[in-house]
């Protein structure tokens, strides 16, 4: 019966090789997981965060526009009305750009909701346009008060529906971002 005796040199070499193999396997495993994490982090930072910012900006600008519309109704000065209308038009362009930029980043589910936002926005813009025409034509405080009441009855609900559609889009973007945290990431 012959015993194979390993020399100290062979034992050290074998131990070092075993540790090296374990390190390579762990390193490869870690590297693949880091690639997945990097991919998910890139998705969140390049899509979700900018999308949320664009939608928040669109909501804030829509609320600013609503405020300017009510200032327009209360203004007795045509020059002030013209200035407010210019601000409203600039804000409308800004919102359109924000929503267009969002559409480029949006997931398919968010794009479906964006279509709803655009439909609600068109209704909102129609009501706001009608209110501005009536406000511009108001010749006295009594007519301005009627325009104000019409704005409260029609513009406020149209604004609320439009903002709610934007909120639904934001919620979808949050869900998309949360899905990036699931097991794949």
Protein backbone atom coordinates (compact mmCIF):
# COMPACT_ATOMS: atom_id res chain seq x y z
CA UNK A 1 0.00 0.00 0.00
CA UNK A 2 1.61 3.11 -1.15
CA UNK A 3 0.74 6.40 0.29
CA UNK A 4 1.02 9.46 -1.82
CA UNK A 5 2.55 12.09 0.30
CA UNK A 6 2.26 15.64 -0.78
CA UNK A 7 5.18 17.81 -0.12
CA UNK A 8 4.71 21.14 1.56
CA UNK A 9 5.34 22.86 -1.78
CA UNK A 10 2.57 20.85 -3.46
CA UNK A 11 0.17 21.56 -0.60
CA UNK A 12 0.84 25.30 -0.75
CA UNK A 13 0.50 25.33 -4.53
CA UNK A 14 -2.77 23.40 -4.40
CA UNK A 15 -4.19 25.64 -1.67
CA UNK A 16 -3.19 28.77 -3.56
CA UNK A 17 -4.73 27.42 -6.79
CA UNK A 18 -7.99 26.54 -4.98
CA UNK A 19 -8.22 30.02 -3.46
CA UNK A 20 -7.48 31.54 -6.88
CA UNK A 21 -10.23 29.49 -8.57
CA UNK A 22 -12.73 30.49 -5.85
CA UNK A 23 -11.75 34.17 -6.27
CA UNK A 24 -12.20 33.97 -10.06
CA UNK A 25 -15.66 32.35 -9.73
CA UNK A 26 -16.77 34.90 -7.12
CA UNK A 27 -15.34 37.76 -9.16
CA UNK A 28 -17.16 36.62 -12.31
CA UNK A 29 -20.41 36.24 -10.39
CA UNK A 30 -20.02 39.66 -8.82
CA UNK A 31 -19.15 41.25 -12.16
CA UNK A 32 -22.34 39.93 -13.82
CA UNK A 33 -24.49 41.21 -10.94
CA UNK A 34 -22.81 44.62 -11.09
CA UNK A 35 -23.56 44.80 -14.81
CA UNK A 36 -27.24 44.16 -14.06
CA UNK A 37 -27.28 46.80 -11.31
CA UNK A 38 -25.57 49.29 -13.60
CA UNK A 39 -28.14 48.64 -16.32
CA UNK A 40 -31.02 49.19 -13.89
CA UNK A 41 -29.42 52.31 -12.40
CA UNK A 42 -28.89 53.73 -15.87
CA UNK A 43 -32.55 53.09 -16.69
CA UNK A 44 -33.71 54.89 -13.56
CA UNK A 45 -31.33 57.83 -13.97
CA UNK A 46 -31.78 58.27 -17.71
CA UNK A 47 -35.51 57.60 -18.00
CA UNK A 48 -37.48 57.58 -14.77
CA UNK A 49 -36.05 60.62 -13.03
CA UNK A 50 -36.17 62.89 -16.12
CA UNK A 51 -39.70 61.64 -16.87
CA UNK A 52 -40.88 62.51 -13.38
CA UNK A 53 -39.26 65.94 -13.65
CA UNK A 54 -40.92 66.64 -17.00
CA UNK A 55 -44.35 65.64 -15.71
CA UNK A 56 -43.93 67.64 -12.49
CA UNK A 57 -42.88 70.66 -14.56
CA UNK A 58 -45.91 70.24 -16.84
CA UNK A 59 -48.23 70.11 -13.81
CA UNK A 60 -46.69 73.17 -12.18
CA UNK A 61 -46.84 75.11 -15.42
CA UNK A 62 -50.48 74.11 -15.97
CA UNK A 63 -51.32 75.44 -12.51
CA UNK A 64 -49.43 78.67 -13.28
CA UNK A 65 -51.39 79.00 -16.51
CA UNK A 66 -54.66 78.55 -14.65
CA UNK A 67 -53.64 81.32 -12.25
CA UNK A 68 -52.76 83.62 -15.15
CA UNK A 69 -56.14 82.88 -16.74
CA UNK A 70 -57.94 84.02 -13.60
CA UNK A 71 -55.72 87.12 -13.43
CA UNK A 72 -56.73 87.78 -17.03
CA UNK A 73 -60.40 87.62 -16.07
CA UNK A 74 -59.85 90.11 -13.25
CA UNK A 75 -57.69 92.52 -15.23
CA UNK A 76 -59.34 95.73 -16.48
CA UNK A 77 -56.25 96.66 -18.49
CA UNK A 78 -55.86 95.46 -22.10
CA UNK A 79 -52.07 95.76 -21.96
CA UNK A 80 -51.99 93.58 -18.85
CA UNK A 81 -54.32 91.09 -20.56
CA UNK A 82 -51.98 90.96 -23.57
CA UNK A 83 -49.00 90.36 -21.27
CA UNK A 84 -50.87 87.57 -19.47
CA UNK A 85 -51.89 86.00 -22.78
CA UNK A 86 -48.24 86.03 -23.90
CA UNK A 87 -47.29 84.28 -20.66
CA UNK A 88 -50.08 81.74 -21.13
CA UNK A 89 -48.94 81.05 -24.71
CA UNK A 90 -45.31 80.64 -23.58
CA UNK A 91 -46.41 78.25 -20.84
CA UNK A 92 -48.50 76.26 -23.33
CA UNK A 93 -45.43 75.89 -25.56
CA UNK A 94 -43.35 74.83 -22.55
CA UNK A 95 -45.90 72.17 -21.55
CA UNK A 96 -46.06 70.87 -25.12
CA UNK A 97 -42.27 70.55 -25.19
CA UNK A 98 -42.23 68.82 -21.78
CA UNK A 99 -44.87 66.32 -22.91
CA UNK A 100 -43.11 65.72 -26.24
CA UNK A 101 -39.83 65.08 -24.39
CA UNK A 102 -41.63 62.79 -21.96
CA UNK A 103 -43.08 60.83 -24.89
CA UNK A 104 -39.53 60.07 -26.06
CA UNK A 105 -38.61 58.58 -22.68
CA UNK A 106 -41.88 56.90 -21.75
CA UNK A 107 -42.50 53.18 -21.49
CA UNK A 108 -45.32 51.73 -23.62
CA UNK A 109 -47.69 51.84 -20.61
CA UNK A 110 -46.79 55.47 -19.90
CA UNK A 111 -47.22 56.35 -23.60
CA UNK A 112 -50.77 54.99 -23.46
CA UNK A 113 -51.46 57.26 -20.50
CA UNK A 114 -49.79 60.15 -22.32
CA UNK A 115 -52.40 59.82 -25.06
CA UNK A 116 -55.06 60.33 -22.39
CA UNK A 117 -53.16 63.35 -21.08
CA UNK A 118 -53.09 64.85 -24.57
CA UNK A 119 -56.85 64.31 -25.00
CA UNK A 120 -57.57 65.92 -21.62
CA UNK A 121 -55.18 68.74 -22.48
CA UNK A 122 -57.06 69.46 -25.71
CA UNK A 123 -60.34 69.73 -23.78
CA UNK A 124 -58.64 71.96 -21.22
CA UNK A 125 -57.15 74.19 -23.93
CA UNK A 126 -60.53 74.55 -25.64
CA UNK A 127 -62.21 75.65 -22.40
CA UNK A 128 -59.34 77.98 -21.53
CA UNK A 129 -59.42 79.51 -25.02
CA UNK A 130 -63.14 80.17 -24.72
CA UNK A 131 -62.66 81.76 -21.29
CA UNK A 132 -59.88 84.02 -22.60
CA UNK A 133 -62.04 85.18 -25.52
CA UNK A 134 -64.90 85.99 -23.14
CA UNK A 135 -62.53 87.70 -20.71
CA UNK A 136 -61.04 89.85 -23.46
CA UNK A 137 -64.52 90.86 -24.59
CA UNK A 138 -65.79 91.68 -21.07
CA UNK A 139 -66.58 95.37 -20.92
CA UNK A 140 -67.61 95.77 -17.30
CA UNK A 141 -67.32 94.19 -13.86
CA UNK A 142 -70.66 92.39 -14.20
CA UNK A 143 -69.60 90.60 -17.39
CA UNK A 144 -66.18 89.82 -15.86
CA UNK A 145 -67.99 88.27 -12.89
CA UNK A 146 -69.99 86.07 -15.28
CA UNK A 147 -66.78 85.03 -17.04
CA UNK A 148 -65.26 84.25 -13.65
CA UNK A 149 -68.24 82.06 -12.74
CA UNK A 150 -68.00 80.28 -16.10
CA UNK A 151 -64.29 79.71 -15.50
CA UNK A 152 -65.00 78.27 -12.05
CA UNK A 153 -67.73 76.03 -13.47
CA UNK A 154 -65.86 74.85 -16.58
CA UNK A 155 -62.13 75.62 -16.39
CA UNK A 156 -61.62 74.32 -12.85
CA UNK A 157 -63.05 70.85 -13.63
CA UNK A 158 -61.17 70.68 -16.96
CA UNK A 159 -57.96 71.59 -15.14
CA UNK A 160 -58.60 68.97 -12.46
CA UNK A 161 -59.16 66.23 -15.07
CA UNK A 162 -56.03 67.28 -16.97
CA UNK A 163 -53.90 67.34 -13.79
CA UNK A 164 -55.30 63.95 -12.76
CA UNK A 165 -54.22 62.51 -16.12
CA UNK A 166 -50.71 63.91 -15.51
CA UNK A 167 -50.77 62.33 -12.02
CA UNK A 168 -51.67 58.97 -13.58
CA UNK A 169 -48.68 59.28 -15.90
CA UNK A 170 -46.41 60.07 -12.97
CA UNK A 171 -47.72 57.06 -11.09
CA UNK A 172 -46.98 54.82 -14.08
CA UNK A 173 -43.42 56.16 -14.27
CA UNK A 174 -43.01 55.38 -10.55
CA UNK A 175 -44.28 51.84 -11.18
CA UNK A 176 -41.84 51.48 -14.06
CA UNK A 177 -39.01 52.65 -11.81
CA UNK A 178 -40.11 50.26 -9.05
CA UNK A 179 -40.06 47.38 -11.51
CA UNK A 180 -36.38 48.20 -12.04
CA UNK A 181 -35.80 47.23 -8.40
CA UNK A 182 -37.34 43.78 -8.78
CA UNK A 183 -35.27 40.54 -8.94
CA UNK A 184 -33.84 41.26 -12.40
CA UNK A 185 -32.14 44.24 -10.81
